[in-house]
Every structure is written in structure tokens, then in C-alpha cells.
Amino acid sequence: MPHRSAYVCLSCRLSFKHSEYRAYQCPRCRRTLLLAGDSFEAPPRRDRDAWRVVSVLLHAGLGFRQRCCGCGPGYRPRTLREVREGLAYARRRGVPVARALATPSP
């Protein structure tokens, strides 16, 4: 079975699995889909807060790619509160946003 990665449209809150790495467009809005990774599990479409968390993570450069050992992408915040805490930690300490968001309880 070929390796499949998730691509997401943040404006439509949709996720698609594709086996090739290339630029895809959303069938609804025609915007370019973002590569989320092979370990991405899309939240329900109606859960706007969860999709906001996904948006912050993807724009910070954190994907949901499987590690080489097959143990998943590591820690990722699940709530807006955890995202706000991570962003505040990054501002306070001067660490990169991606590293602050990938650290549990910063």
C-alpha cells in the first residue's frame, strides 16, 4: 500500500489523503491544500476551535508526520488554551514558536 499523507483546506475545514507529494487544490474553494502529514487525524468539521489549533500548528511549521520509529509526530497541543500558553512561553523566553508548541506544558 502506498504511503498516504493528509492534505487540508483550513477555510473549508476538510482533509484529503493523497499518495503523491504535489500541490493539490480544494474541490470546494480551489485554494491550495496544506500538507498536514501522514499521522494527521482531522477534527470534526463543526469543531472550529480544533481547526484553529490545526491552523496555528501548520502555519508554525509543525506537521503531523510520523517519526522514523513509527511512534507518531510527538506532542501537539489540542486546545486553544494550550496554544495560547505555548505562544506566551515563546514570547517570554524568546524560543521559536514551533519548538514552544511542540513542548508539553512549557
C-alpha atoms as a PDB file:
ATOM      1  CA  MET A   1       0.000   0.000   0.000  1.00  0.00           C
ATOM      2  CA  PRO A   2       1.496   3.386  -0.941  1.00  0.00           C
ATOM      3  CA  HIS A   3       2.375   5.953   1.689  1.00  0.00           C
ATOM      4  CA  ARG A   4      -0.545   8.402   2.059  1.00  0.00           C
ATOM      5  CA  SER A   5      -0.411  11.854   3.610  1.00  0.00           C
ATOM      6  CA  ALA A   6      -3.213  14.161   4.658  1.00  0.00           C
ATOM      7  CA  TYR A   7      -3.748  17.485   2.908  1.00  0.00           C
ATOM      8  CA  VAL A   8      -6.101  20.015   4.483  1.00  0.00           C
ATOM      9  CA  CYS A   9      -8.125  23.045   3.461  1.00  0.00           C
ATOM     10  CA  LEU A  10      -8.320  25.271   6.524  1.00  0.00           C
ATOM     11  CA  SER A  11     -11.023  27.560   5.144  1.00  0.00           C
ATOM     12  CA  CYS A  12     -13.397  24.669   4.295  1.00  0.00           C
ATOM     13  CA  ARG A  13     -12.192  22.509   7.212  1.00  0.00           C
ATOM     14  CA  LEU A  14     -11.692  19.453   5.012  1.00  0.00           C
ATOM     15  CA  SER A  15      -8.992  16.796   4.874  1.00  0.00           C
ATOM     16  CA  PHE A  16      -7.960  14.564   1.992  1.00  0.00           C
ATOM     17  CA  LYS A  17      -5.484  11.673   1.739  1.00  0.00           C
ATOM     18  CA  HIS A  18      -3.153  11.535  -1.264  1.00  0.00           C
ATOM     19  CA  SER A  19      -0.235   9.250  -2.059  1.00  0.00           C
ATOM     20  CA  GLU A  20       1.826  11.721  -4.124  1.00  0.00           C
ATOM     21  CA  TYR A  21       3.595  14.827  -2.852  1.00  0.00           C
ATOM     22  CA  ARG A  22       2.423  17.673  -5.061  1.00  0.00           C
ATOM     23  CA  ALA A  23       0.209  20.757  -4.966  1.00  0.00           C
ATOM     24  CA  TYR A  24      -3.470  19.895  -4.654  1.00  0.00           C
ATOM     25  CA  GLN A  25      -6.471  22.216  -4.732  1.00  0.00           C
ATOM     26  CA  CYS A  26      -9.575  22.065  -2.564  1.00  0.00           C
ATOM     27  CA  PRO A  27     -12.522  20.843  -4.638  1.00  0.00           C
ATOM     28  CA  ARG A  28     -14.832  23.324  -2.880  1.00  0.00           C
ATOM     29  CA  CYS A  29     -12.911  26.626  -2.830  1.00  0.00           C
ATOM     30  CA  ARG A  30      -9.990  25.919  -5.208  1.00  0.00           C
ATOM     31  CA  ARG A  31      -7.371  27.087  -2.666  1.00  0.00           C
ATOM     32  CA  THR A  32      -4.126  25.178  -2.354  1.00  0.00           C
ATOM     33  CA  LEU A  33      -4.241  22.388   0.232  1.00  0.00           C
ATOM     34  CA  LEU A  34      -1.643  22.311   3.007  1.00  0.00           C
ATOM     35  CA  LEU A  35       0.341  19.158   3.699  1.00  0.00           C
ATOM     36  CA  ALA A  36      -0.515  18.034   7.235  1.00  0.00           C
ATOM     37  CA  GLY A  37       1.337  14.709   7.332  1.00  0.00           C
ATOM     38  CA  ASP A  38       0.664  11.018   7.474  1.00  0.00           C
ATOM     39  CA  SER A  39      -0.360  10.963  11.163  1.00  0.00           C
ATOM     40  CA  PHE A  40      -2.970  13.723  10.893  1.00  0.00           C
ATOM     41  CA  GLU A  41      -6.469  12.974  12.147  1.00  0.00           C
ATOM     42  CA  ALA A  42      -8.925  15.665  11.134  1.00  0.00           C
ATOM     43  CA  PRO A  43     -11.220  17.078  13.813  1.00  0.00           C
ATOM     44  CA  PRO A  44     -14.964  17.220  13.109  1.00  0.00           C
ATOM     45  CA  ARG A  45     -15.836  19.937  10.620  1.00  0.00           C
ATOM     46  CA  ARG A  46     -18.084  21.733  13.096  1.00  0.00           C
ATOM     47  CA  ASP A  47     -15.322  21.982  15.741  1.00  0.00           C
ATOM     48  CA  ARG A  48     -13.990  25.442  14.853  1.00  0.00           C
ATOM     49  CA  ASP A  49     -11.648  25.655  17.844  1.00  0.00           C
ATOM     50  CA  ALA A  50      -9.898  22.399  16.933  1.00  0.00           C
ATOM     51  CA  TRP A  51      -9.428  23.632  13.370  1.00  0.00           C
ATOM     52  CA  ARG A  52      -7.973  26.899  14.705  1.00  0.00           C
ATOM     53  CA  VAL A  53      -5.445  24.827  16.649  1.00  0.00           C
ATOM     54  CA  VAL A  54      -4.600  22.881  13.469  1.00  0.00           C
ATOM     55  CA  SER A  55      -4.198  26.175  11.593  1.00  0.00           C
ATOM     56  CA  VAL A  56      -1.769  27.593  14.167  1.00  0.00           C
ATOM     57  CA  LEU A  57       0.284  24.387  14.180  1.00  0.00           C
ATOM     58  CA  LEU A  58       0.548  24.144  10.390  1.00  0.00           C
ATOM     59  CA  HIS A  59       1.392  27.832   9.980  1.00  0.00           C
ATOM     60  CA  ALA A  60       4.079  27.493  12.669  1.00  0.00           C
ATOM     61  CA  GLY A  61       5.672  24.729  10.607  1.00  0.00           C
ATOM     62  CA  LEU A  62       4.575  21.825  12.781  1.00  0.00           C
ATOM     63  CA  GLY A  63       3.125  18.973  10.820  1.00  0.00           C
ATOM     64  CA  PHE A  64       1.780  15.609  11.817  1.00  0.00           C
ATOM     65  CA  ARG A  65       4.463  13.438  10.262  1.00  0.00           C
ATOM     66  CA  GLN A  66       5.353  10.004  11.545  1.00  0.00           C
ATOM     67  CA  ARG A  67       8.750   9.784  13.200  1.00  0.00           C
ATOM     68  CA  CYS A  68      11.217   7.242  11.909  1.00  0.00           C
ATOM     69  CA  CYS A  69      10.389   4.824  14.745  1.00  0.00           C
ATOM     70  CA  GLY A  70       6.657   4.861  13.933  1.00  0.00           C
ATOM     71  CA  CYS A  71       5.656   6.439  17.250  1.00  0.00           C
ATOM     72  CA  GLY A  72       3.745   9.413  15.836  1.00  0.00           C
ATOM     73  CA  PRO A  73       4.557  13.097  15.464  1.00  0.00           C
ATOM     74  CA  GLY A  74       5.171  13.788  19.152  1.00  0.00           C
ATOM     75  CA  TYR A  75       3.345  16.261  21.370  1.00  0.00           C
ATOM     76  CA  ARG A  76       0.918  18.665  19.705  1.00  0.00           C
ATOM     77  CA  PRO A  77      -1.470  20.999  21.597  1.00  0.00           C
ATOM     78  CA  ARG A  78      -5.114  20.008  21.353  1.00  0.00           C
ATOM     79  CA  THR A  79      -6.884  23.060  22.784  1.00  0.00           C
ATOM     80  CA  LEU A  80      -6.733  26.797  22.196  1.00  0.00           C
ATOM     81  CA  ARG A  81      -5.648  27.236  25.814  1.00  0.00           C
ATOM     82  CA  GLU A  82      -2.597  25.034  25.248  1.00  0.00           C
ATOM     83  CA  VAL A  83      -1.793  27.001  22.075  1.00  0.00           C
ATOM     84  CA  ARG A  84      -2.078  30.333  23.931  1.00  0.00           C
ATOM     85  CA  GLU A  85       0.198  29.029  26.696  1.00  0.00           C
ATOM     86  CA  GLY A  86       2.751  27.858  24.143  1.00  0.00           C
ATOM     87  CA  LEU A  87       2.697  31.176  22.283  1.00  0.00           C
ATOM     88  CA  ALA A  88       3.075  33.115  25.548  1.00  0.00           C
ATOM     89  CA  TYR A  89       6.012  30.887  26.511  1.00  0.00           C
ATOM     90  CA  ALA A  90       7.655  31.553  23.129  1.00  0.00           C
ATOM     91  CA  ARG A  91       7.282  35.325  23.587  1.00  0.00           C
ATOM     92  CA  ARG A  92       8.548  35.266  27.176  1.00  0.00           C
ATOM     93  CA  ARG A  93      11.564  33.035  26.579  1.00  0.00           C
ATOM     94  CA  GLY A  94      12.403  34.051  23.042  1.00  0.00           C
ATOM     95  CA  VAL A  95      12.267  30.474  21.740  1.00  0.00           C
ATOM     96  CA  PRO A  96      10.928  29.629  18.278  1.00  0.00           C
ATOM     97  CA  VAL A  97       7.140  29.217  18.170  1.00  0.00           C
ATOM     98  CA  ALA A  98       7.380  25.740  16.645  1.00  0.00           C
ATOM     99  CA  ARG A  99       9.598  24.499  19.479  1.00  0.00           C
ATOM    100  CA  ALA A 100       7.356  26.073  22.157  1.00  0.00           C
ATOM    101  CA  LEU A 101       4.230  24.469  20.661  1.00  0.00           C
ATOM    102  CA  ALA A 102       5.917  21.056  20.408  1.00  0.00           C
ATOM    103  CA  THR A 103       6.853  21.088  24.104  1.00  0.00           C
ATOM    104  CA  PRO A 104       4.286  19.820  26.617  1.00  0.00           C
ATOM    105  CA  SER A 105       3.491  22.266  29.454  1.00  0.00           C
ATOM    106  CA  PRO A 106       6.098  24.889  28.583  1.00  0.00           C
END
